N, C-alpha and C. Protein backbone atom coordinates (compact mmCIF):
# COMPACT_ATOMS: atom_id res chain seq x y z
N MET A 1 100.96 63.08 74.09
CA MET A 1 101.25 64.40 75.07
C MET A 1 101.70 65.35 73.61
N ARG A 2 101.26 66.84 74.15
CA ARG A 2 101.77 67.78 72.83
C ARG A 2 102.39 69.00 73.68
N LEU A 3 102.95 69.49 73.27
CA LEU A 3 103.71 70.72 73.73
C LEU A 3 103.50 71.92 72.84
N GLY A 4 103.34 73.27 73.44
CA GLY A 4 103.14 74.19 72.51
C GLY A 4 104.51 75.14 72.71
N TRP A 5 104.76 75.64 71.66
CA TRP A 5 106.06 76.63 71.79
C TRP A 5 105.81 77.73 71.15
N ARG A 6 105.85 78.79 71.82
CA ARG A 6 105.36 79.93 70.95
C ARG A 6 106.81 80.54 69.97
N ILE A 7 106.79 81.20 68.69
CA ILE A 7 107.65 81.09 67.92
C ILE A 7 107.30 82.75 67.41
N PRO A 8 108.34 83.63 67.83
CA PRO A 8 108.13 85.05 67.32
C PRO A 8 107.82 85.45 65.89
N THR A 9 108.16 84.40 64.92
CA THR A 9 108.44 84.91 63.34
C THR A 9 108.37 83.30 62.67
N GLY A 10 108.25 83.37 61.42
CA GLY A 10 108.08 82.20 60.69
C GLY A 10 107.07 82.20 59.64
N ASP A 11 107.22 81.34 59.14
CA ASP A 11 105.88 81.26 57.77
C ASP A 11 104.81 80.06 58.38
N PRO A 12 103.39 80.74 58.64
CA PRO A 12 102.39 79.98 58.82
C PRO A 12 102.16 78.97 57.93
N GLY A 13 101.72 77.61 58.37
CA GLY A 13 101.44 76.35 57.41
C GLY A 13 102.74 75.53 57.34
N ARG A 14 103.86 76.27 57.89
CA ARG A 14 105.26 75.28 57.61
C ARG A 14 105.28 74.24 58.49
N THR A 15 105.98 73.09 58.34
CA THR A 15 105.73 72.10 59.48
C THR A 15 106.84 71.68 59.92
N TYR A 16 107.26 71.69 60.93
CA TYR A 16 108.54 71.69 61.71
C TYR A 16 108.60 70.41 62.40
N ARG A 17 110.02 69.80 62.35
CA ARG A 17 110.19 68.39 63.15
C ARG A 17 111.42 68.71 64.05
N GLY A 18 111.10 67.91 65.22
CA GLY A 18 111.85 68.33 66.22
C GLY A 18 113.03 66.87 66.68
N VAL A 19 113.43 66.94 67.98
CA VAL A 19 113.98 65.62 68.13
C VAL A 19 112.78 64.66 68.89
N GLY A 20 113.37 63.63 68.62
CA GLY A 20 112.54 62.45 69.11
C GLY A 20 111.37 62.30 68.60
N GLY A 21 111.27 62.35 67.33
CA GLY A 21 110.22 61.96 66.54
C GLY A 21 108.88 63.28 66.60
N CYS A 22 109.40 64.49 67.03
CA CYS A 22 108.17 65.17 67.09
C CYS A 22 108.20 66.35 66.14
N CYS A 23 106.82 66.44 65.93
CA CYS A 23 106.85 67.08 64.37
C CYS A 23 105.24 68.43 65.01
N GLY A 24 105.41 69.27 63.88
CA GLY A 24 104.14 69.99 64.38
C GLY A 24 104.17 71.14 63.32
N SER A 25 103.18 71.86 63.18
CA SER A 25 102.78 73.20 62.62
C SER A 25 102.21 74.32 63.06
N TRP A 26 102.27 75.48 62.71
CA TRP A 26 102.20 76.93 62.96
C TRP A 26 100.41 76.38 63.34
N CYS A 27 99.89 77.12 64.56
CA CYS A 27 98.66 76.94 65.07
C CYS A 27 98.14 78.54 65.66
N TRP A 28 97.12 78.68 65.67
CA TRP A 28 96.45 79.96 65.88
C TRP A 28 96.09 80.23 67.51
N ASP A 29 96.69 80.82 68.16
CA ASP A 29 96.09 80.91 69.56
C ASP A 29 95.44 82.34 69.67
N ALA A 30 94.33 82.36 69.75
CA ALA A 30 93.54 83.60 69.73
C ALA A 30 93.55 84.35 71.05
N GLY A 31 93.97 83.71 72.55
CA GLY A 31 93.90 84.32 73.55
C GLY A 31 95.37 85.10 73.72
N PHE A 32 96.38 84.69 72.56
CA PHE A 32 97.19 85.51 72.96
C PHE A 32 97.64 86.27 71.44
N GLN A 33 96.60 86.08 70.78
CA GLN A 33 96.89 87.10 69.25
C GLN A 33 97.88 86.45 68.40
N SER A 34 98.51 85.31 68.75
CA SER A 34 99.86 84.95 68.18
C SER A 34 99.96 83.60 67.47
N ARG A 35 100.62 83.15 66.64
CA ARG A 35 101.00 81.79 66.41
C ARG A 35 101.85 81.38 67.14
N PHE A 36 101.41 79.85 67.30
CA PHE A 36 102.24 78.63 67.98
C PHE A 36 102.73 77.74 67.32
N VAL A 37 103.75 77.05 67.56
CA VAL A 37 103.87 75.91 67.07
C VAL A 37 103.61 74.56 67.88
N VAL A 38 102.60 73.82 67.82
CA VAL A 38 102.06 72.43 68.50
C VAL A 38 102.93 71.38 67.96
N PHE A 39 103.39 70.42 68.78
CA PHE A 39 104.45 69.41 68.65
C PHE A 39 103.36 68.26 69.16
N GLY A 40 103.13 67.70 68.55
CA GLY A 40 102.59 65.85 68.85
C GLY A 40 103.73 65.00 69.16
N VAL A 41 104.33 64.66 70.43
CA VAL A 41 105.22 63.61 70.43
C VAL A 41 104.64 62.36 70.93
N ASN A 42 105.59 61.42 69.86
CA ASN A 42 104.90 59.97 69.89
C ASN A 42 105.51 59.28 71.03
N ASP A 43 106.40 59.82 71.55
CA ASP A 43 106.54 58.91 73.10
C ASP A 43 107.33 57.71 72.56
N GLY A 44 107.92 57.49 71.02
CA GLY A 44 108.70 56.18 71.16
C GLY A 44 107.91 55.70 69.87
N ALA A 45 106.24 55.63 70.10
CA ALA A 45 105.79 54.90 69.08
C ALA A 45 105.26 55.38 67.67
N SER A 46 105.51 54.75 67.04
CA SER A 46 105.59 55.47 65.27
C SER A 46 104.17 55.66 65.28
N THR A 47 103.77 56.79 64.40
CA THR A 47 102.74 57.13 63.96
C THR A 47 102.31 56.61 62.53
N GLU A 48 103.39 55.95 62.21
CA GLU A 48 102.70 55.08 60.82
C GLU A 48 101.80 54.60 60.85
N GLY A 49 101.04 54.34 59.68
CA GLY A 49 99.70 53.38 60.02
C GLY A 49 98.41 54.14 60.67
N MET A 50 98.61 55.31 61.35
CA MET A 50 97.44 56.15 62.02
C MET A 50 96.36 56.26 60.93
N ASP A 51 95.01 55.77 61.47
CA ASP A 51 94.11 55.92 60.31
C ASP A 51 93.04 56.83 61.05
N ARG A 52 93.34 57.77 61.78
CA ARG A 52 92.21 58.60 62.49
C ARG A 52 93.02 59.83 62.44
N PHE A 53 92.05 61.04 61.91
CA PHE A 53 92.27 62.41 61.70
C PHE A 53 92.55 62.98 63.00
N VAL A 54 93.65 63.47 63.58
CA VAL A 54 94.08 63.96 64.86
C VAL A 54 94.53 65.32 64.80
N SER A 55 94.50 66.21 65.58
CA SER A 55 95.38 67.28 65.62
C SER A 55 94.46 68.62 64.99
N THR A 56 95.01 69.70 64.99
CA THR A 56 94.65 71.01 64.19
C THR A 56 95.91 71.47 63.45
N PHE A 57 95.71 72.05 62.35
CA PHE A 57 96.53 72.74 61.55
C PHE A 57 96.17 73.94 60.87
N VAL A 58 96.96 74.94 60.74
CA VAL A 58 96.39 76.39 60.33
C VAL A 58 96.98 76.52 58.89
N ASN A 59 96.44 76.40 57.68
CA ASN A 59 97.21 77.15 56.73
C ASN A 59 96.36 78.19 55.92
N LYS A 60 97.25 78.60 55.10
CA LYS A 60 97.06 79.79 54.40
C LYS A 60 96.09 79.51 53.09
N ILE A 61 95.02 79.94 52.52
CA ILE A 61 93.93 79.87 51.67
C ILE A 61 94.46 81.01 50.60
N ASP A 62 94.64 80.94 49.21
CA ASP A 62 94.74 81.79 48.42
C ASP A 62 93.38 82.39 47.60
N ALA A 63 93.44 83.37 46.57
CA ALA A 63 92.01 83.79 46.20
C ALA A 63 91.35 82.90 45.51
N LYS A 64 92.08 81.57 44.85
CA LYS A 64 91.30 81.03 44.05
C LYS A 64 90.98 79.89 45.07
N GLY A 65 91.11 80.27 46.17
CA GLY A 65 90.30 78.87 46.67
C GLY A 65 91.46 77.63 47.12
N ARG A 66 92.67 77.97 46.82
CA ARG A 66 93.53 76.78 47.11
C ARG A 66 94.20 76.67 48.32
N VAL A 67 94.42 75.55 49.06
CA VAL A 67 94.68 75.40 50.58
C VAL A 67 95.64 74.16 50.59
N SER A 68 96.43 73.69 51.21
CA SER A 68 97.34 72.84 51.32
C SER A 68 96.60 72.08 52.43
N VAL A 69 96.36 70.76 52.03
CA VAL A 69 95.97 69.79 53.51
C VAL A 69 96.98 69.17 53.92
N PRO A 70 96.91 69.25 55.15
CA PRO A 70 98.04 68.81 55.91
C PRO A 70 98.48 67.22 55.83
N ALA A 71 99.92 67.24 55.74
CA ALA A 71 100.57 65.76 54.90
C ALA A 71 99.74 64.83 55.92
N PRO A 72 99.68 64.95 57.28
CA PRO A 72 99.04 63.71 58.05
C PRO A 72 97.63 63.41 57.70
N PHE A 73 97.25 64.26 57.21
CA PHE A 73 95.57 63.91 56.69
C PHE A 73 95.62 63.33 55.04
N ARG A 74 96.38 63.99 54.46
CA ARG A 74 96.96 63.54 53.16
C ARG A 74 97.21 61.83 53.21
N ALA A 75 98.10 61.45 53.93
CA ALA A 75 98.74 60.17 54.15
C ALA A 75 97.17 59.01 54.70
N ILE A 76 96.20 59.81 55.43
CA ILE A 76 95.25 58.92 55.96
C ILE A 76 94.19 58.62 54.72
N LEU A 77 94.04 59.72 54.19
CA LEU A 77 93.18 59.92 52.60
C LEU A 77 93.72 58.63 52.03
N GLU A 78 95.13 58.71 51.41
CA GLU A 78 95.70 57.72 50.89
C GLU A 78 95.84 56.19 51.13
N ARG A 79 95.80 55.91 52.64
CA ARG A 79 95.42 54.59 53.42
C ARG A 79 94.10 54.21 53.10
N ASP A 80 92.92 55.31 52.96
CA ASP A 80 91.61 55.68 52.70
C ASP A 80 91.23 54.69 51.38
N GLY A 81 92.35 55.08 50.58
CA GLY A 81 91.88 54.60 49.33
C GLY A 81 92.15 55.52 48.08
N TYR A 82 92.56 56.75 48.42
CA TYR A 82 92.67 57.78 47.59
C TYR A 82 93.87 57.74 46.97
N GLN A 83 93.83 57.97 45.79
CA GLN A 83 94.90 58.05 44.86
C GLN A 83 95.22 59.01 43.82
N GLN A 84 95.64 59.94 43.73
CA GLN A 84 95.77 60.98 42.52
C GLN A 84 95.27 60.92 41.53
N GLY A 85 94.68 61.24 40.71
CA GLY A 85 94.07 60.75 39.53
C GLY A 85 93.51 59.53 39.22
N GLY A 86 93.12 58.84 40.14
CA GLY A 86 92.57 57.59 40.18
C GLY A 86 91.80 57.30 41.12
N ALA A 87 91.50 56.33 41.70
CA ALA A 87 90.49 55.39 42.91
C ALA A 87 90.60 56.77 43.78
N GLY A 88 89.25 56.52 44.55
CA GLY A 88 89.06 57.27 46.11
C GLY A 88 88.74 58.88 45.64
N HIS A 89 88.27 59.51 46.46
CA HIS A 89 87.71 60.62 46.48
C HIS A 89 88.01 61.55 47.91
N VAL A 90 87.67 62.82 48.08
CA VAL A 90 87.55 63.52 48.99
C VAL A 90 86.48 64.39 49.10
N TYR A 91 85.67 63.86 49.91
CA TYR A 91 84.28 64.46 49.97
C TYR A 91 84.41 65.65 51.20
N CYS A 92 83.61 66.70 50.53
CA CYS A 92 83.26 67.91 51.50
C CYS A 92 82.14 68.31 51.26
N TYR A 93 81.55 68.86 52.23
CA TYR A 93 80.14 68.91 52.35
C TYR A 93 79.90 69.91 53.54
N PRO A 94 79.06 71.36 53.58
CA PRO A 94 78.66 72.04 54.79
C PRO A 94 78.41 71.22 56.06
N ALA A 95 78.81 71.30 57.18
CA ALA A 95 78.62 71.00 58.39
C ALA A 95 77.12 71.23 58.81
N LEU A 96 76.15 70.09 59.33
CA LEU A 96 74.96 70.37 59.50
C LEU A 96 74.48 71.43 60.59
N ASP A 97 75.39 71.55 61.70
CA ASP A 97 75.28 72.17 62.94
C ASP A 97 76.39 73.13 63.21
N SER A 98 77.04 73.82 62.29
CA SER A 98 78.13 74.47 62.77
C SER A 98 78.65 75.33 61.44
N PRO A 99 79.28 76.21 61.67
CA PRO A 99 79.81 77.10 60.09
C PRO A 99 81.18 76.31 59.95
N ALA A 100 81.19 75.31 59.56
CA ALA A 100 82.34 74.38 59.15
C ALA A 100 82.09 73.46 57.65
N ILE A 101 83.18 73.13 57.47
CA ILE A 101 83.26 71.69 56.14
C ILE A 101 83.33 70.58 56.96
N ASP A 102 82.37 69.73 56.53
CA ASP A 102 82.63 68.26 57.03
C ASP A 102 83.76 67.62 55.77
N GLY A 103 84.86 66.92 56.08
CA GLY A 103 85.21 66.21 55.15
C GLY A 103 85.92 64.90 55.47
N GLY A 104 86.40 64.15 54.47
CA GLY A 104 86.57 62.95 54.39
C GLY A 104 86.92 62.10 53.37
N GLY A 105 87.02 60.60 53.53
CA GLY A 105 87.43 59.99 52.37
C GLY A 105 86.24 58.61 52.36
N GLU A 106 86.56 57.70 51.83
CA GLU A 106 85.57 56.62 51.26
C GLU A 106 85.33 55.99 52.64
N ARG A 107 85.80 56.19 54.08
CA ARG A 107 85.21 55.80 55.09
C ARG A 107 84.00 56.61 55.55
N LEU A 108 84.40 57.88 55.02
CA LEU A 108 83.05 58.75 55.49
C LEU A 108 81.93 58.53 54.67
N ALA A 109 82.43 58.49 53.47
CA ALA A 109 81.19 57.70 52.55
C ALA A 109 80.57 56.49 53.00
N ARG A 110 81.27 55.74 53.39
CA ARG A 110 80.74 54.58 53.98
C ARG A 110 79.97 54.71 55.32
N THR A 111 80.41 55.72 56.02
CA THR A 111 79.44 56.00 57.24
C THR A 111 78.22 56.65 56.83
N ILE A 112 78.21 57.44 55.92
CA ILE A 112 76.87 58.13 55.42
C ILE A 112 75.90 57.31 55.05
N ASP A 113 76.48 56.29 53.94
CA ASP A 113 75.70 55.12 53.20
C ASP A 113 74.88 54.26 54.54
N GLY A 114 75.80 54.21 55.61
CA GLY A 114 75.21 53.53 56.74
C GLY A 114 74.11 54.14 57.57
N LEU A 115 74.17 55.45 57.38
CA LEU A 115 73.09 56.17 58.09
C LEU A 115 72.04 56.32 57.19
N LEU A 116 71.96 56.21 55.83
CA LEU A 116 70.82 56.07 55.10
C LEU A 116 70.53 54.89 54.98
N ALA A 117 71.09 53.83 54.99
CA ALA A 117 70.68 52.51 55.14
C ALA A 117 69.81 52.33 56.22
N GLY A 118 69.74 53.18 57.55
CA GLY A 118 69.05 52.74 58.48
C GLY A 118 67.65 53.35 58.35
N LEU A 119 67.13 54.29 57.43
CA LEU A 119 66.32 54.75 56.98
C LEU A 119 65.41 53.99 55.89
N PRO A 120 63.95 54.10 55.81
CA PRO A 120 63.26 53.58 55.05
C PRO A 120 63.22 53.89 53.62
N ASP A 121 63.62 53.07 52.46
CA ASP A 121 63.72 53.63 51.38
C ASP A 121 62.28 54.57 50.64
N TYR A 122 62.69 55.63 50.23
CA TYR A 122 61.97 56.72 49.56
C TYR A 122 61.13 57.61 50.61
N SER A 123 61.64 57.18 52.21
CA SER A 123 61.01 58.01 52.84
C SER A 123 61.45 59.71 53.07
N ILE A 124 60.61 60.38 53.43
CA ILE A 124 60.98 61.95 53.59
C ILE A 124 62.44 61.92 54.04
N GLU A 125 62.50 61.35 55.33
CA GLU A 125 63.71 61.64 56.20
C GLU A 125 65.10 61.12 55.80
N ARG A 126 64.71 60.13 54.87
CA ARG A 126 66.03 59.33 53.96
C ARG A 126 66.35 60.23 53.14
N ASP A 127 65.39 60.93 52.03
CA ASP A 127 65.54 62.02 51.09
C ASP A 127 66.22 63.22 51.68
N GLU A 128 65.94 63.84 53.05
CA GLU A 128 66.28 65.16 53.18
C GLU A 128 67.66 64.81 53.69
N LEU A 129 67.99 63.60 54.24
CA LEU A 129 69.44 63.43 54.67
C LEU A 129 70.25 63.08 53.62
N SER A 130 69.68 62.46 52.57
CA SER A 130 70.72 62.50 51.19
C SER A 130 70.96 63.82 50.77
N VAL A 131 70.14 64.87 50.48
CA VAL A 131 70.12 65.98 50.14
C VAL A 131 71.33 66.95 51.04
N ALA A 132 70.99 66.54 52.43
CA ALA A 132 71.96 67.34 53.38
C ALA A 132 73.38 67.07 53.12
N LEU A 133 73.83 65.62 52.99
CA LEU A 133 74.86 65.15 53.02
C LEU A 133 75.53 64.84 51.59
N TYR A 134 74.58 64.23 50.73
CA TYR A 134 75.24 64.22 49.50
C TYR A 134 74.95 64.93 48.33
N GLY A 135 73.81 65.67 48.55
CA GLY A 135 73.06 66.47 47.54
C GLY A 135 74.06 67.95 47.32
N ILE A 136 74.51 68.06 48.45
CA ILE A 136 75.46 69.37 48.24
C ILE A 136 76.93 68.96 48.55
N SER A 137 77.11 67.56 48.57
CA SER A 137 78.71 67.42 48.71
C SER A 137 79.66 67.85 47.38
N GLN A 138 80.81 68.00 47.36
CA GLN A 138 81.61 68.44 46.39
C GLN A 138 82.76 67.46 46.62
N VAL A 139 83.07 66.85 45.16
CA VAL A 139 84.02 65.81 45.23
C VAL A 139 85.33 66.56 44.86
N LEU A 140 86.12 66.51 45.60
CA LEU A 140 87.41 67.36 45.39
C LEU A 140 88.65 66.65 45.08
N SER A 141 89.96 66.85 44.49
CA SER A 141 90.75 66.13 44.27
C SER A 141 92.22 66.81 44.68
N ILE A 142 93.40 66.29 45.32
CA ILE A 142 94.41 66.75 45.82
C ILE A 142 95.39 66.94 44.44
N ASP A 143 96.06 68.22 44.41
CA ASP A 143 96.93 68.11 43.18
C ASP A 143 98.70 67.72 43.89
N GLN A 144 99.11 68.08 42.79
CA GLN A 144 100.83 67.42 43.10
C GLN A 144 101.38 68.14 44.12
N ASP A 145 100.65 69.37 44.27
CA ASP A 145 101.34 70.05 45.57
C ASP A 145 100.71 69.94 46.93
N GLY A 146 99.97 68.95 46.99
CA GLY A 146 99.01 68.50 48.00
C GLY A 146 98.07 69.36 48.47
N ARG A 147 97.16 70.46 47.38
CA ARG A 147 96.45 71.16 47.52
C ARG A 147 94.90 70.83 47.36
N ILE A 148 93.70 71.32 47.70
CA ILE A 148 92.68 71.11 47.27
C ILE A 148 92.06 72.57 46.95
N VAL A 149 91.17 72.58 46.24
CA VAL A 149 90.49 73.85 46.10
C VAL A 149 89.00 74.00 46.50
N LEU A 150 89.17 74.67 47.42
CA LEU A 150 87.62 74.85 48.25
C LEU A 150 86.62 75.87 47.39
N PRO A 151 85.43 75.35 47.00
CA PRO A 151 84.44 75.88 46.10
C PRO A 151 84.04 77.36 46.88
N GLU A 152 83.68 78.36 46.31
CA GLU A 152 82.93 79.45 46.96
C GLU A 152 81.98 78.93 48.12
N ASN A 153 81.00 78.22 47.52
CA ASN A 153 80.11 78.22 48.23
C ASN A 153 80.36 77.45 49.85
N LEU A 154 81.51 76.72 49.56
CA LEU A 154 81.88 76.13 50.95
C LEU A 154 82.45 76.96 51.93
N ARG A 155 83.39 77.88 51.02
CA ARG A 155 83.87 78.96 52.02
C ARG A 155 83.02 79.99 52.58
N ALA A 156 82.21 80.33 51.60
CA ALA A 156 80.88 81.40 52.23
C ALA A 156 80.34 80.45 53.40
N HIS A 157 80.33 79.22 53.63
CA HIS A 157 79.45 78.61 54.66
C HIS A 157 80.25 78.71 55.74
N ALA A 158 81.43 78.28 55.67
CA ALA A 158 82.41 78.51 56.98
C ALA A 158 82.97 79.88 57.16
N GLY A 159 82.66 80.96 56.45
CA GLY A 159 83.18 82.18 56.57
C GLY A 159 84.83 82.26 56.51
N ILE A 160 85.23 81.22 55.72
CA ILE A 160 86.63 81.50 55.38
C ILE A 160 86.94 82.50 54.43
N ALA A 161 88.16 83.39 54.78
CA ALA A 161 88.64 84.23 53.68
C ALA A 161 90.34 83.90 53.33
N THR A 162 90.99 83.87 54.67
CA THR A 162 92.43 84.00 54.52
C THR A 162 93.39 82.90 54.88
N GLN A 163 92.64 82.37 55.81
CA GLN A 163 93.32 81.30 56.48
C GLN A 163 91.95 79.97 56.86
N VAL A 164 92.73 78.63 56.99
CA VAL A 164 91.63 77.75 57.26
C VAL A 164 92.61 77.06 58.44
N ALA A 165 91.84 76.30 59.19
CA ALA A 165 92.10 75.42 59.89
C ALA A 165 91.46 73.99 59.87
N PHE A 166 92.19 73.18 59.74
CA PHE A 166 91.93 71.62 59.51
C PHE A 166 91.80 70.98 60.69
N VAL A 167 90.51 70.42 61.31
CA VAL A 167 90.52 69.99 62.70
C VAL A 167 90.00 68.42 62.31
N GLY A 168 91.12 67.57 63.08
CA GLY A 168 90.63 66.28 63.07
C GLY A 168 89.84 65.82 64.19
N LEU A 169 88.83 65.09 63.74
CA LEU A 169 87.92 64.46 64.37
C LEU A 169 87.61 63.10 64.43
N GLY A 170 88.74 62.32 64.29
CA GLY A 170 88.86 60.98 63.97
C GLY A 170 88.47 60.23 63.00
N GLU A 171 87.35 59.81 62.40
CA GLU A 171 87.23 59.21 61.05
C GLU A 171 86.60 60.39 59.87
N LYS A 172 86.46 61.42 60.48
CA LYS A 172 86.33 62.71 59.56
C LYS A 172 87.14 63.76 60.08
N PHE A 173 87.30 64.75 59.12
CA PHE A 173 87.94 66.04 59.90
C PHE A 173 87.13 67.48 59.28
N GLN A 174 87.06 68.62 59.94
CA GLN A 174 86.49 69.52 59.74
C GLN A 174 87.27 70.80 59.20
N ILE A 175 86.89 71.40 58.36
CA ILE A 175 87.40 72.78 57.86
C ILE A 175 86.62 74.19 58.38
N TRP A 176 87.57 74.86 59.25
CA TRP A 176 87.23 76.00 59.84
C TRP A 176 87.90 77.48 59.73
N GLU A 177 87.02 78.64 59.75
CA GLU A 177 87.81 79.64 59.82
C GLU A 177 88.53 79.47 61.11
N PRO A 178 90.00 80.32 61.50
CA PRO A 178 90.58 79.73 62.42
C PRO A 178 89.84 80.54 63.93
N GLY A 179 89.27 81.68 63.94
CA GLY A 179 88.77 82.45 64.75
C GLY A 179 87.50 81.69 65.26
N HIS A 180 86.54 81.20 64.27
CA HIS A 180 85.01 80.47 64.67
C HIS A 180 85.63 79.23 65.44
N PHE A 181 86.61 78.72 64.73
CA PHE A 181 87.36 77.48 65.63
C PHE A 181 87.59 77.53 66.87
N GLU A 182 88.51 78.81 67.06
CA GLU A 182 88.66 79.04 68.37
C GLU A 182 87.60 79.01 69.52
N ARG A 183 86.67 79.70 69.20
CA ARG A 183 85.30 79.92 69.86
C ARG A 183 84.79 78.56 70.21
N ARG A 184 84.58 77.79 69.38
CA ARG A 184 83.80 76.53 69.05
C ARG A 184 84.89 75.46 70.15
N ARG A 185 86.14 75.93 70.14
CA ARG A 185 86.91 74.93 70.72
C ARG A 185 86.73 75.37 72.38
N ALA A 186 86.59 76.48 72.59
CA ALA A 186 86.12 77.05 74.01
C ALA A 186 85.08 76.48 74.43
N GLU A 187 84.38 76.65 73.54
CA GLU A 187 82.77 76.09 73.73
C GLU A 187 82.85 74.62 74.58
N ALA A 188 83.20 73.87 73.52
CA ALA A 188 83.36 72.36 73.53
C ALA A 188 84.06 72.03 74.92
N GLN A 189 85.33 72.78 75.24
CA GLN A 189 86.17 72.52 76.29
C GLN A 189 85.22 72.51 77.86
N GLN A 190 84.66 74.10 77.70
CA GLN A 190 83.73 74.22 78.68
C GLN A 190 82.82 73.21 78.90
N LYS A 191 82.18 72.57 77.91
CA LYS A 191 81.07 71.64 78.21
C LYS A 191 81.53 70.31 78.72
N VAL A 192 82.90 70.23 78.25
CA VAL A 192 83.46 68.64 78.71
C VAL A 192 83.60 69.14 80.07
N ARG A 193 84.03 70.17 80.62
CA ARG A 193 84.41 70.33 81.96
C ARG A 193 83.27 70.37 82.86
N GLU A 194 82.09 70.66 82.57
CA GLU A 194 80.47 70.85 82.95
C GLU A 194 80.08 69.26 83.19
N HIS A 195 80.61 68.64 82.27
CA HIS A 195 80.11 67.10 82.26
C HIS A 195 80.71 66.49 83.23
N LEU A 196 82.42 66.55 83.17
CA LEU A 196 83.22 65.73 83.99
C LEU A 196 82.68 66.44 85.76
N LYS A 197 82.47 67.35 85.97
CA LYS A 197 82.00 68.12 87.23
C LYS A 197 80.87 67.29 87.51
N LEU A 198 79.93 67.09 86.61
CA LEU A 198 78.62 66.11 86.98
C LEU A 198 79.00 64.85 87.33
N PHE A 199 79.65 64.40 86.43
CA PHE A 199 80.02 62.89 86.65
C PHE A 199 81.13 62.83 87.90
N GLY A 200 81.64 63.43 87.96
CA GLY A 200 82.24 63.53 89.41
C GLY A 200 81.27 63.60 90.49
N ALA A 201 80.19 64.25 90.60
CA ALA A 201 79.20 64.58 91.68
C ALA A 201 78.76 63.24 91.90
N GLY A 202 78.41 62.78 90.73
CA GLY A 202 77.40 61.32 90.62
C GLY A 202 78.28 60.27 91.39
N ARG A 203 79.81 60.30 91.13
CA ARG A 203 80.44 59.21 91.91
C ARG A 203 80.96 59.51 93.31
N ARG A 204 80.86 60.73 93.62
CA ARG A 204 80.87 61.14 94.98
C ARG A 204 79.87 60.69 95.95
N SER A 205 78.30 60.64 95.04
CA SER A 205 77.10 60.61 95.80
C SER A 205 77.21 58.99 95.90
N GLY A 206 78.10 58.15 95.40
CA GLY A 206 77.93 56.55 95.33
C GLY A 206 76.98 56.09 94.34
N GLY A 207 76.61 56.87 93.52
CA GLY A 207 75.07 56.37 92.56
C GLY A 207 75.72 56.60 91.06
N ASP A 208 74.97 56.23 90.13
CA ASP A 208 75.12 56.31 88.77
C ASP A 208 74.67 57.71 88.67
N PRO A 209 76.05 58.54 87.83
CA PRO A 209 75.66 59.80 87.44
C PRO A 209 74.27 60.01 86.50
N GLY A 210 73.94 58.90 85.54
CA GLY A 210 72.66 59.23 85.01
C GLY A 210 71.56 58.64 85.72
N GLY A 211 71.70 58.10 86.87
CA GLY A 211 70.38 57.39 87.48
C GLY A 211 69.79 58.31 88.55
N ASP A 212 69.23 57.53 89.62
CA ASP A 212 68.45 58.58 90.56
C ASP A 212 69.32 59.14 91.66
N GLN A 213 70.34 58.32 91.91
CA GLN A 213 71.24 58.92 92.80
C GLN A 213 72.39 59.71 92.23
N GLY A 214 72.21 60.22 91.10
CA GLY A 214 73.41 61.19 90.54
C GLY A 214 73.14 62.53 91.05
N ALA A 215 71.97 62.87 91.51
CA ALA A 215 71.57 64.26 92.01
C ALA A 215 70.76 64.20 93.17
N ARG A 216 70.88 64.88 94.44
CA ARG A 216 69.71 64.95 95.15
C ARG A 216 69.40 66.60 95.39
N GLU A 217 68.02 66.59 95.72
CA GLU A 217 67.90 67.92 96.17
C GLU A 217 68.15 68.24 97.72
């Protein structure tokens, strides 16, 4: 369950903790041109040990490209093997199909390895995918203040200037310019609603929505 509370003033990027194990951070609501605090309520269940990147956090980025990684994301990276100054890495590369940056830890790297393993050795397809996912990847470190430095080429790809939206996608996360992400979120929600309508129509017709009875002229 998520609750959105609109707050008139405050420090963007600051994390808040409420009653009942609630925690949240400033997020951007483009529809109202204001920031609000989104709280994830765990309904009594502990979030410790979570191994998926979830929710959206908006933080400031400075002129040197330094931006704080949300604490929940850092915790997942650490459970995935990342150690400051030691083992594990944070991999970031330009998303293949959107003006965003894909990021993750060793689990993301293993997923990419699995994709490449499914292609023939020395094939053009494997080489092209390797270039797209590994050849232009950046291996980043998290400093003692919980920040990474986003290289200029990644910022340019995502159109990032003063703010960054960290968006959880399960096994990986994405980094967006907040305005671009708001448009992407609206498009995704609209497509989901359309798919649900088609699915519902198929169920009402008594057939498989993907089969012959899903739609009739």
